[in-house]
Amino acid sequence: MFPHLRVWLIALWASSVAGAVVIVGLTLGHYHWTTFLWAALAGLVIGVPAAFLNWAYLRPNRAREVGLLGQVPPRRA
């Protein structure tokens, strides 16, 4: 099964962070291609981990029982 929620969250978070960095860069007067390079790097470095954390929070309850990486957590006594 294709993880639709995970893919959408990664795209949404990465593009949102990159867009914010581009807006800040252009507002500060950096009209060069490196502004867009820094925005892409920031989108990947900040947006992808944020999307995975958000996905772990939003996924269904049955997936929570399995754990973040698919491992079964130990039963509490």
C-alpha atoms as a PDB file:
ATOM      1  CA  MET A   1       0.000   0.000   0.000  1.00  0.00           C
ATOM      2  CA  PHE A   2       1.267   3.449  -0.923  1.00  0.00           C
ATOM      3  CA  PRO A   3       1.637   5.786   2.102  1.00  0.00           C
ATOM      4  CA  HIS A   4      -0.482   8.685   0.817  1.00  0.00           C
ATOM      5  CA  LEU A   5      -0.559  10.617   4.093  1.00  0.00           C
ATOM      6  CA  ARG A   6       3.203  10.488   4.453  1.00  0.00           C
ATOM      7  CA  VAL A   7       3.842  11.681   0.877  1.00  0.00           C
ATOM      8  CA  TRP A   8       1.334  14.545   1.144  1.00  0.00           C
ATOM      9  CA  LEU A   9       2.752  15.679   4.479  1.00  0.00           C
ATOM     10  CA  ILE A  10       6.326  15.655   3.174  1.00  0.00           C
ATOM     11  CA  ALA A  11       5.325  17.685   0.113  1.00  0.00           C
ATOM     12  CA  LEU A  12       3.275  20.124   2.174  1.00  0.00           C
ATOM     13  CA  TRP A  13       5.876  20.706   4.885  1.00  0.00           C
ATOM     14  CA  ALA A  14       8.874  20.901   2.539  1.00  0.00           C
ATOM     15  CA  SER A  15       7.180  23.337   0.160  1.00  0.00           C
ATOM     16  CA  SER A  16       5.846  25.469   3.020  1.00  0.00           C
ATOM     17  CA  VAL A  17       9.267  25.813   4.631  1.00  0.00           C
ATOM     18  CA  ALA A  18      10.934  26.458   1.276  1.00  0.00           C
ATOM     19  CA  GLY A  19       8.320  29.078   0.396  1.00  0.00           C
ATOM     20  CA  ALA A  20       8.819  30.850   3.699  1.00  0.00           C
ATOM     21  CA  VAL A  21      12.591  30.923   3.180  1.00  0.00           C
ATOM     22  CA  VAL A  22      12.164  32.313  -0.343  1.00  0.00           C
ATOM     23  CA  ILE A  23       9.843  35.039   0.929  1.00  0.00           C
ATOM     24  CA  VAL A  24      12.280  36.012   3.686  1.00  0.00           C
ATOM     25  CA  GLY A  25      15.221  35.976   1.277  1.00  0.00           C
ATOM     26  CA  LEU A  26      13.486  38.110  -1.320  1.00  0.00           C
ATOM     27  CA  THR A  27      12.224  40.502   1.353  1.00  0.00           C
ATOM     28  CA  LEU A  28      15.789  40.983   2.556  1.00  0.00           C
ATOM     29  CA  GLY A  29      16.863  41.824  -0.993  1.00  0.00           C
ATOM     30  CA  HIS A  30      18.683  38.623  -1.964  1.00  0.00           C
ATOM     31  CA  TYR A  31      17.702  38.398  -5.633  1.00  0.00           C
ATOM     32  CA  HIS A  32      19.997  35.592  -6.673  1.00  0.00           C
ATOM     33  CA  TRP A  33      19.690  31.900  -7.500  1.00  0.00           C
ATOM     34  CA  THR A  34      21.348  30.991  -4.191  1.00  0.00           C
ATOM     35  CA  THR A  35      18.236  32.203  -2.363  1.00  0.00           C
ATOM     36  CA  PHE A  36      16.277  29.423  -4.037  1.00  0.00           C
ATOM     37  CA  LEU A  37      19.039  26.898  -3.352  1.00  0.00           C
ATOM     38  CA  TRP A  38      19.008  27.762   0.352  1.00  0.00           C
ATOM     39  CA  ALA A  39      15.223  27.552   0.344  1.00  0.00           C
ATOM     40  CA  ALA A  40      15.305  24.070  -1.182  1.00  0.00           C
ATOM     41  CA  LEU A  41      17.895  22.899   1.337  1.00  0.00           C
ATOM     42  CA  ALA A  42      15.922  24.364   4.238  1.00  0.00           C
ATOM     43  CA  GLY A  43      12.756  22.716   2.930  1.00  0.00           C
ATOM     44  CA  LEU A  44      14.452  19.332   2.900  1.00  0.00           C
ATOM     45  CA  VAL A  45      16.358  19.689   6.169  1.00  0.00           C
ATOM     46  CA  ILE A  46      13.493  21.177   8.196  1.00  0.00           C
ATOM     47  CA  GLY A  47      10.391  20.083   6.298  1.00  0.00           C
ATOM     48  CA  VAL A  48      11.000  16.341   5.969  1.00  0.00           C
ATOM     49  CA  PRO A  49      11.646  15.647   9.688  1.00  0.00           C
ATOM     50  CA  ALA A  50       8.698  17.869  10.607  1.00  0.00           C
ATOM     51  CA  ALA A  51       6.482  15.914   8.213  1.00  0.00           C
ATOM     52  CA  PHE A  52       7.541  12.585   9.734  1.00  0.00           C
ATOM     53  CA  LEU A  53       6.838  13.856  13.234  1.00  0.00           C
ATOM     54  CA  ASN A  54       3.463  15.151  12.101  1.00  0.00           C
ATOM     55  CA  TRP A  55       2.720  11.830  10.379  1.00  0.00           C
ATOM     56  CA  ALA A  56       3.512   9.925  13.570  1.00  0.00           C
ATOM     57  CA  TYR A  57       0.995  12.125  15.368  1.00  0.00           C
ATOM     58  CA  LEU A  58      -1.750  11.874  12.724  1.00  0.00           C
ATOM     59  CA  ARG A  59      -1.625   8.205  11.759  1.00  0.00           C
ATOM     60  CA  PRO A  60      -4.456   5.882  12.781  1.00  0.00           C
ATOM     61  CA  ASN A  61      -4.652   4.272  16.210  1.00  0.00           C
ATOM     62  CA  ARG A  62      -4.028   0.773  14.903  1.00  0.00           C
ATOM     63  CA  ALA A  63      -0.726   1.943  13.457  1.00  0.00           C
ATOM     64  CA  ARG A  64       0.194   3.515  16.800  1.00  0.00           C
ATOM     65  CA  GLU A  65      -0.033   0.118  18.414  1.00  0.00           C
ATOM     66  CA  VAL A  66       2.662  -1.157  16.081  1.00  0.00           C
ATOM     67  CA  GLY A  67       5.103   1.689  16.766  1.00  0.00           C
ATOM     68  CA  LEU A  68       6.858   4.384  14.784  1.00  0.00           C
ATOM     69  CA  LEU A  69       9.109   2.051  12.799  1.00  0.00           C
ATOM     70  CA  GLY A  70       6.797  -0.961  12.699  1.00  0.00           C
ATOM     71  CA  GLN A  71       8.144  -2.643  15.819  1.00  0.00           C
ATOM     72  CA  VAL A  72       5.733  -4.085  18.332  1.00  0.00           C
ATOM     73  CA  PRO A  73       6.178  -2.281  21.664  1.00  0.00           C
ATOM     74  CA  PRO A  74       6.558  -4.379  24.815  1.00  0.00           C
ATOM     75  CA  ARG A  75       3.379  -4.969  26.829  1.00  0.00           C
ATOM     76  CA  ARG A  76       3.044  -3.081  30.073  1.00  0.00           C
ATOM     77  CA  ALA A  77       2.447  -5.161  33.181  1.00  0.00           C
END
